[in-house]
C-alpha atoms as a PDB file:
ATOM      1  CA  MET A   1     -30.167  20.825 -22.379  1.00  0.00           C
ATOM      2  CA  ASP A   2     -32.284  17.938 -21.054  1.00  0.00           C
ATOM      3  CA  PRO A   3     -31.812  16.284 -17.596  1.00  0.00           C
ATOM      4  CA  ASP A   4     -29.839  13.338 -19.020  1.00  0.00           C
ATOM      5  CA  GLU A   5     -27.393  15.651 -20.724  1.00  0.00           C
ATOM      6  CA  ALA A   6     -27.102  17.729 -17.552  1.00  0.00           C
ATOM      7  CA  ARG A   7     -26.353  14.627 -15.516  1.00  0.00           C
ATOM      8  CA  ARG A   8     -23.694  13.522 -17.999  1.00  0.00           C
ATOM      9  CA  ARG A   9     -21.933  16.878 -17.845  1.00  0.00           C
ATOM     10  CA  ILE A  10     -22.011  16.944 -14.059  1.00  0.00           C
ATOM     11  CA  LEU A  11     -20.450  13.485 -13.813  1.00  0.00           C
ATOM     12  CA  GLU A  12     -17.778  14.438 -16.343  1.00  0.00           C
ATOM     13  CA  GLU A  13     -16.880  17.510 -14.296  1.00  0.00           C
ATOM     14  CA  LEU A  14     -16.708  15.511 -11.077  1.00  0.00           C
ATOM     15  CA  ALA A  15     -14.440  12.938 -12.702  1.00  0.00           C
ATOM     16  CA  ARG A  16     -11.796  15.491 -13.648  1.00  0.00           C
ATOM     17  CA  SER A  17      -8.554  15.303 -11.742  1.00  0.00           C
ATOM     18  CA  ARG A  18      -8.688  18.876 -10.487  1.00  0.00           C
ATOM     19  CA  TYR A  19     -11.451  17.787  -8.094  1.00  0.00           C
ATOM     20  CA  GLY A  20      -9.260  15.095  -6.528  1.00  0.00           C
ATOM     21  CA  GLY A  21      -9.286  16.614  -3.024  1.00  0.00           C
ATOM     22  CA  SER A  22     -12.426  16.383  -0.920  1.00  0.00           C
ATOM     23  CA  GLU A  23     -12.371  20.078   0.026  1.00  0.00           C
ATOM     24  CA  GLY A  24     -12.052  21.054  -3.642  1.00  0.00           C
ATOM     25  CA  ILE A  25     -14.954  18.811  -4.569  1.00  0.00           C
ATOM     26  CA  ILE A  26     -17.181  20.200  -1.852  1.00  0.00           C
ATOM     27  CA  GLY A  27     -16.288  23.780  -2.702  1.00  0.00           C
ATOM     28  CA  TRP A  28     -16.987  23.186  -6.366  1.00  0.00           C
ATOM     29  CA  VAL A  29     -20.384  21.584  -5.710  1.00  0.00           C
ATOM     30  CA  LEU A  30     -21.405  24.348  -3.309  1.00  0.00           C
ATOM     31  CA  ALA A  31     -20.376  26.983  -5.844  1.00  0.00           C
ATOM     32  CA  ARG A  32     -22.460  25.276  -8.526  1.00  0.00           C
ATOM     33  CA  LEU A  33     -25.456  25.105  -6.187  1.00  0.00           C
ATOM     34  CA  THR A  34     -25.102  28.812  -5.466  1.00  0.00           C
ATOM     35  CA  ASP A  35     -25.040  29.584  -9.192  1.00  0.00           C
ATOM     36  CA  LEU A  36     -28.077  27.383  -9.780  1.00  0.00           C
ATOM     37  CA  TRP A  37     -29.985  29.037  -6.948  1.00  0.00           C
ATOM     38  CA  ARG A  38     -29.367  32.458  -8.480  1.00  0.00           C
ATOM     39  CA  SER A  39     -30.471  31.190 -11.873  1.00  0.00           C
ATOM     40  CA  LEU A  40     -33.559  29.673 -10.291  1.00  0.00           C
ATOM     41  CA  GLN A  41     -34.520  33.006  -8.757  1.00  0.00           C
ATOM     42  CA  GLU A  42     -34.067  34.721 -12.118  1.00  0.00           C
ATOM     43  CA  SER A  43     -36.161  32.066 -13.870  1.00  0.00           C
ATOM     44  CA  VAL A  44     -38.964  32.412 -11.339  1.00  0.00           C
ATOM     45  CA  GLY A  45     -38.944  36.146 -11.866  1.00  0.00           C
ATOM     46  CA  SER A  46     -39.193  35.802 -15.617  1.00  0.00           C
ATOM     47  CA  GLY A  47     -41.810  33.025 -15.516  1.00  0.00           C
ATOM     48  CA  GLN A  48     -39.727  30.425 -17.326  1.00  0.00           C
ATOM     49  CA  ARG A  49     -41.309  27.225 -16.027  1.00  0.00           C
ATOM     50  CA  THR A  50     -39.144  24.896 -18.117  1.00  0.00           C
ATOM     51  CA  GLY A  51     -36.005  26.537 -16.826  1.00  0.00           C
ATOM     52  CA  VAL A  52     -37.213  26.186 -13.247  1.00  0.00           C
ATOM     53  CA  ALA A  53     -37.915  22.484 -13.685  1.00  0.00           C
ATOM     54  CA  LEU A  54     -34.502  21.884 -15.233  1.00  0.00           C
ATOM     55  CA  LEU A  55     -32.718  23.776 -12.489  1.00  0.00           C
ATOM     56  CA  ILE A  56     -34.540  21.751  -9.833  1.00  0.00           C
ATOM     57  CA  VAL A  57     -33.344  18.558 -11.528  1.00  0.00           C
ATOM     58  CA  LEU A  58     -29.790  19.893 -11.672  1.00  0.00           C
ATOM     59  CA  CYS A  59     -29.879  20.811  -7.980  1.00  0.00           C
ATOM     60  CA  ALA A  60     -31.065  17.312  -7.088  1.00  0.00           C
ATOM     61  CA  LEU A  61     -28.292  15.750  -9.171  1.00  0.00           C
ATOM     62  CA  LEU A  62     -25.635  17.938  -7.603  1.00  0.00           C
ATOM     63  CA  LEU A  63     -26.847  17.187  -4.092  1.00  0.00           C
ATOM     64  CA  SER A  64     -26.812  13.461  -4.863  1.00  0.00           C
ATOM     65  CA  ALA A  65     -23.283  13.743  -6.238  1.00  0.00           C
ATOM     66  CA  LEU A  66     -22.183  15.618  -3.116  1.00  0.00           C
ATOM     67  CA  VAL A  67     -23.528  12.885  -0.823  1.00  0.00           C
ATOM     68  CA  LEU A  68     -21.786  10.174  -2.840  1.00  0.00           C
ATOM     69  CA  LEU A  69     -18.509  12.059  -2.787  1.00  0.00           C
ATOM     70  CA  LEU A  70     -18.712  12.677   0.943  1.00  0.00           C
ATOM     71  CA  ARG A  71     -19.246   8.954   1.480  1.00  0.00           C
ATOM     72  CA  ARG A  72     -16.373   8.130  -0.851  1.00  0.00           C
ATOM     73  CA  THR A  73     -13.975  10.341   1.093  1.00  0.00           C
ATOM     74  CA  GLY A  74     -15.202   9.008   4.435  1.00  0.00           C
ATOM     75  CA  TRP A  75     -16.733  12.290   5.632  1.00  0.00           C
ATOM     76  CA  VAL A  76     -20.154  10.745   6.107  1.00  0.00           C
ATOM     77  CA  ARG A  77     -20.653   7.952   8.607  1.00  0.00           C
ATOM     78  CA  ARG A  78     -23.909   6.392   9.627  1.00  0.00           C
ATOM     79  CA  SER A  79     -23.503   6.996  13.394  1.00  0.00           C
ATOM     80  CA  GLY A  80     -21.076   7.623  16.208  1.00  0.00           C
ATOM     81  CA  SER A  81     -20.868   3.902  16.999  1.00  0.00           C
ATOM     82  CA  LEU A  82     -18.016   3.388  14.545  1.00  0.00           C
ATOM     83  CA  ARG A  83     -14.741   4.091  16.344  1.00  0.00           C
ATOM     84  CA  ALA A  84     -12.309   2.881  13.689  1.00  0.00           C
ATOM     85  CA  SER A  85     -11.463   5.058  10.709  1.00  0.00           C
ATOM     86  CA  ALA A  86     -13.076   3.946   7.454  1.00  0.00           C
ATOM     87  CA  ASP A  87     -10.240   5.492   5.439  1.00  0.00           C
ATOM     88  CA  LEU A  88      -8.302   2.638   3.841  1.00  0.00           C
ATOM     89  CA  SER A  89      -5.149   4.765   3.806  1.00  0.00           C
ATOM     90  CA  ALA A  90      -5.442   5.733   7.494  1.00  0.00           C
ATOM     91  CA  ALA A  91      -2.737   5.006  10.083  1.00  0.00           C
ATOM     92  CA  PRO A  92      -0.089   3.637   7.686  1.00  0.00           C
ATOM     93  CA  GLU A  93       2.163   2.903  10.677  1.00  0.00           C
ATOM     94  CA  LEU A  94      -0.183   0.084  11.706  1.00  0.00           C
ATOM     95  CA  SER A  95       0.860  -3.245  10.230  1.00  0.00           C
ATOM     96  CA  ALA A  96      -1.543  -5.803   8.803  1.00  0.00           C
ATOM     97  CA  ALA A  97      -0.844  -8.021  11.807  1.00  0.00           C
ATOM     98  CA  ARG A  98      -1.754  -5.221  14.190  1.00  0.00           C
ATOM     99  CA  LEU A  99      -4.955  -4.437  12.304  1.00  0.00           C
ATOM    100  CA  ARG A 100      -5.964  -8.103  12.405  1.00  0.00           C
ATOM    101  CA  GLU A 101      -5.347  -8.078  16.153  1.00  0.00           C
ATOM    102  CA  LEU A 102      -7.497  -4.976  16.595  1.00  0.00           C
ATOM    103  CA  ALA A 103     -10.243  -6.508  14.442  1.00  0.00           C
ATOM    104  CA  ALA A 104     -10.279  -9.681  16.541  1.00  0.00           C
ATOM    105  CA  ARG A 105     -10.420  -7.620  19.725  1.00  0.00           C
ATOM    106  CA  ALA A 106     -13.342  -5.558  18.419  1.00  0.00           C
ATOM    107  CA  GLU A 107     -15.155  -8.728  17.391  1.00  0.00           C
ATOM    108  CA  SER A 108     -14.697 -10.254  20.854  1.00  0.00           C
ATOM    109  CA  ARG A 109     -16.261  -7.114  22.322  1.00  0.00           C
ATOM    110  CA  HIS A 110     -19.236  -7.395  19.915  1.00  0.00           C
ATOM    111  CA  GLN A 111     -18.186  -4.181  18.154  1.00  0.00           C
ATOM    112  CA  TYR A 112     -18.950  -5.669  14.779  1.00  0.00           C
ATOM    113  CA  ASP A 113     -18.832  -2.445  12.762  1.00  0.00           C
ATOM    114  CA  ASP A 114     -15.285  -1.781  13.960  1.00  0.00           C
ATOM    115  CA  ALA A 115     -14.336  -5.419  13.478  1.00  0.00           C
ATOM    116  CA  VAL A 116     -15.418  -5.393   9.831  1.00  0.00           C
ATOM    117  CA  VAL A 117     -13.694  -2.087   9.071  1.00  0.00           C
ATOM    118  CA  LEU A 118     -10.456  -3.101  10.772  1.00  0.00           C
ATOM    119  CA  ALA A 119     -10.401  -6.548   9.156  1.00  0.00           C
ATOM    120  CA  LEU A 120     -10.895  -5.063   5.685  1.00  0.00           C
ATOM    121  CA  ARG A 121      -8.164  -2.540   6.391  1.00  0.00           C
ATOM    122  CA  ALA A 122      -5.954  -5.453   7.493  1.00  0.00           C
ATOM    123  CA  ILE A 123      -6.534  -7.122   4.119  1.00  0.00           C
ATOM    124  CA  VAL A 124      -5.642  -3.936   2.282  1.00  0.00           C
ATOM    125  CA  ARG A 125      -2.541  -3.328   4.423  1.00  0.00           C
ATOM    126  CA  ASP A 126      -1.396  -6.927   3.955  1.00  0.00           C
ATOM    127  CA  LEU A 127      -1.612  -6.572   0.179  1.00  0.00           C
ATOM    128  CA  GLN A 128       0.196  -3.246   0.382  1.00  0.00           C
ATOM    129  CA  GLU A 129       3.016  -4.823   2.361  1.00  0.00           C
ATOM    130  CA  ARG A 130       3.287  -7.525  -0.302  1.00  0.00           C
ATOM    131  CA  THR A 131       3.255  -4.880  -3.085  1.00  0.00           C
ATOM    132  CA  LEU A 132       0.097  -6.385  -4.554  1.00  0.00           C
ATOM    133  CA  LEU A 133      -2.067  -3.304  -4.052  1.00  0.00           C
ATOM    134  CA  GLU A 134      -1.654   0.459  -4.073  1.00  0.00           C
ATOM    135  CA  VAL A 135      -4.079   2.557  -2.053  1.00  0.00           C
ATOM    136  CA  GLN A 136      -4.579   6.284  -2.444  1.00  0.00           C
ATOM    137  CA  GLU A 137      -6.746   8.686  -0.504  1.00  0.00           C
ATOM    138  CA  GLY A 138     -10.338   8.110  -1.554  1.00  0.00           C
ATOM    139  CA  THR A 139      -9.854   4.508  -2.683  1.00  0.00           C
ATOM    140  CA  THR A 140     -13.058   2.594  -1.972  1.00  0.00           C
ATOM    141  CA  ALA A 141     -13.348  -0.873  -0.492  1.00  0.00           C
ATOM    142  CA  HIS A 142     -14.969  -2.127  -3.694  1.00  0.00           C
ATOM    143  CA  GLU A 143     -12.087  -0.814  -5.812  1.00  0.00           C
ATOM    144  CA  ALA A 144      -9.571  -2.453  -3.483  1.00  0.00           C
ATOM    145  CA  ALA A 145     -11.488  -5.743  -3.624  1.00  0.00           C
ATOM    146  CA  LEU A 146     -11.558  -5.804  -7.417  1.00  0.00           C
ATOM    147  CA  THR A 147      -7.826  -5.086  -7.579  1.00  0.00           C
ATOM    148  CA  ALA A 148      -7.058  -7.769  -4.995  1.00  0.00           C
ATOM    149  CA  ALA A 149      -9.137 -10.260  -6.973  1.00  0.00           C
ATOM    150  CA  HIS A 150      -6.582 -10.102  -9.790  1.00  0.00           C
ATOM    151  CA  SER A 151      -4.004 -11.670  -7.460  1.00  0.00           C
ATOM    152  CA  PHE A 152      -6.478 -13.971  -5.687  1.00  0.00           C
ATOM    153  CA  PRO A 153      -9.148 -14.893  -8.272  1.00  0.00           C
ATOM    154  CA  ALA A 154     -10.415 -17.799  -6.158  1.00  0.00           C
ATOM    155  CA  ALA A 155     -11.327 -15.309  -3.409  1.00  0.00           C
ATOM    156  CA  ARG A 156     -13.063 -12.819  -5.707  1.00  0.00           C
ATOM    157  CA  THR A 157     -16.579 -13.496  -4.393  1.00  0.00           C
ATOM    158  CA  ARG A 158     -15.426 -13.285  -0.779  1.00  0.00           C
ATOM    159  CA  LEU A 159     -13.495 -10.082  -1.442  1.00  0.00           C
ATOM    160  CA  ILE A 160     -16.505  -8.374  -3.000  1.00  0.00           C
ATOM    161  CA  ALA A 161     -18.720  -9.572  -0.134  1.00  0.00           C
ATOM    162  CA  ALA A 162     -16.176  -8.174   2.348  1.00  0.00           C
ATOM    163  CA  SER A 163     -16.218  -4.799   0.599  1.00  0.00           C
ATOM    164  CA  GLU A 164     -20.016  -4.752   0.808  1.00  0.00           C
ATOM    165  CA  SER A 165     -19.867  -5.569   4.515  1.00  0.00           C
ATOM    166  CA  PHE A 166     -17.381  -2.732   4.912  1.00  0.00           C
ATOM    167  CA  ASP A 167     -19.775  -0.271   3.268  1.00  0.00           C
ATOM    168  CA  VAL A 168     -22.568  -1.455   5.547  1.00  0.00           C
ATOM    169  CA  ALA A 169     -20.418  -1.046   8.652  1.00  0.00           C
ATOM    170  CA  ALA A 170     -19.006   2.327   7.655  1.00  0.00           C
ATOM    171  CA  TYR A 171     -21.827   4.118   5.873  1.00  0.00           C
ATOM    172  CA  SER A 172     -25.240   2.479   6.044  1.00  0.00           C
ATOM    173  CA  SER A 173     -27.993   2.693   8.640  1.00  0.00           C
ATOM    174  CA  ARG A 174     -27.847  -1.085   9.116  1.00  0.00           C
ATOM    175  CA  PRO A 175     -25.186  -2.323  11.556  1.00  0.00           C
ATOM    176  CA  ALA A 176     -22.803  -5.113  10.669  1.00  0.00           C
ATOM    177  CA  THR A 177     -23.546  -8.531  12.129  1.00  0.00           C
ATOM    178  CA  ALA A 178     -21.398 -11.059  13.966  1.00  0.00           C
ATOM    179  CA  ARG A 179     -21.396 -13.139  10.760  1.00  0.00           C
ATOM    180  CA  ASP A 180     -20.113 -10.161   8.756  1.00  0.00           C
ATOM    181  CA  ALA A 181     -17.268  -9.629  11.212  1.00  0.00           C
ATOM    182  CA  ALA A 182     -16.323 -13.303  11.260  1.00  0.00           C
ATOM    183  CA  ASP A 183     -16.390 -13.605   7.465  1.00  0.00           C
ATOM    184  CA  VAL A 184     -14.107 -10.616   6.857  1.00  0.00           C
ATOM    185  CA  ARG A 185     -11.724 -11.655   9.659  1.00  0.00           C
ATOM    186  CA  GLN A 186     -11.487 -15.203   8.273  1.00  0.00           C
ATOM    187  CA  LEU A 187     -10.837 -13.792   4.801  1.00  0.00           C
ATOM    188  CA  ALA A 188      -8.007 -11.677   6.219  1.00  0.00           C
ATOM    189  CA  GLU A 189      -6.482 -14.796   7.779  1.00  0.00           C
ATOM    190  CA  TYR A 190      -6.905 -16.781   4.560  1.00  0.00           C
ATOM    191  CA  LEU A 191      -5.264 -14.140   2.365  1.00  0.00           C
ATOM    192  CA  ARG A 192      -2.401 -13.799   4.833  1.00  0.00           C
ATOM    193  CA  GLU A 193      -1.382 -17.391   4.021  1.00  0.00           C
ATOM    194  CA  ALA A 194      -2.543 -17.551   0.402  1.00  0.00           C
ATOM    195  CA  ARG A 195      -0.100 -17.336  -2.476  1.00  0.00           C
ATOM    196  CA  PRO A 196      -1.022 -14.762  -5.126  1.00  0.00           C
ATOM    197  CA  GLN A 197      -1.557 -15.783  -8.703  1.00  0.00           C
ATOM    198  CA  LEU A 198       1.075 -13.930 -10.704  1.00  0.00           C
ATOM    199  CA  ASP A 199       0.316 -12.341 -14.046  1.00  0.00           C
ATOM    200  CA  PRO A 200       1.808 -14.653 -16.698  1.00  0.00           C
ATOM    201  CA  GLN A 201       3.212 -11.617 -18.497  1.00  0.00           C
ATOM    202  CA  THR A 202       5.130 -10.466 -15.423  1.00  0.00           C
ATOM    203  CA  ALA A 203       6.051 -13.848 -13.958  1.00  0.00           C
ATOM    204  CA  GLU A 204       9.734 -14.733 -14.215  1.00  0.00           C
ATOM    205  CA  ALA A 205      10.650 -17.378 -16.761  1.00  0.00           C
ATOM    206  CA  PRO A 206      12.377 -20.471 -15.362  1.00  0.00           C
ATOM    207  CA  THR A 207      16.174 -20.424 -15.508  1.00  0.00           C
ATOM    208  CA  PRO A 208      17.406 -22.782 -18.263  1.00  0.00           C
ATOM    209  CA  PRO A 209      19.862 -25.515 -17.253  1.00  0.00           C
ATOM    210  CA  PRO A 210      23.576 -25.008 -18.011  1.00  0.00           C
ATOM    211  CA  THR A 211      24.626 -25.906 -21.542  1.00  0.00           C
ATOM    212  CA  GLY A 212      25.732 -29.502 -21.921  1.00  0.00           C
ATOM    213  CA  GLU A 213      24.108 -30.723 -18.693  1.00  0.00           C
ATOM    214  CA  VAL A 214      22.215 -33.942 -19.161  1.00  0.00           C
ATOM    215  CA  HIS A 215      18.955 -34.514 -17.292  1.00  0.00           C
ATOM    216  CA  ALA A 216      17.266 -37.855 -16.819  1.00  0.00           C
END
């Protein structure tokens, strides 16, 4: 089995539904690393150089997958400066209006990472309240943005940019800027007033006029 095939199998395993919980994912990856380490020791003992090289590649792939999954579930944050939760399903009792208020407050205090995260969460919560978006544990900002773009196609570019700012604020080593915070907050305000574009297949047909009624 070559490295490409190994990578494909790993990604297929990680995509299976039985690894839906973060603890299950982490446990599975750690178990696979333990198995690979044992195999590596056996290969070294038997002098199988090709096997050693392949196992090293597999270990690197598994470690990379673990880091990505930890980021996806919100377990990895870039620093302690972020006070707001980066989980899009967090604090469901907070309304979109309240999240927008918290985002504006964080922005006024120059806490731009928190402002971006809270403003993006406000967008998501607003769309949830309007039944335009469903969010589950582990949903990423990019996934939410692409789904929201179906209802607001004119805001697609801004939504994707907001999701990228969210990832910067929540996970990267680069802090969010005042411009990032302002852009996401303004998008939240825009979407609050914007009318969604309904799917033509699900939109209600107009009610026909009563039979015999004459219209000019």
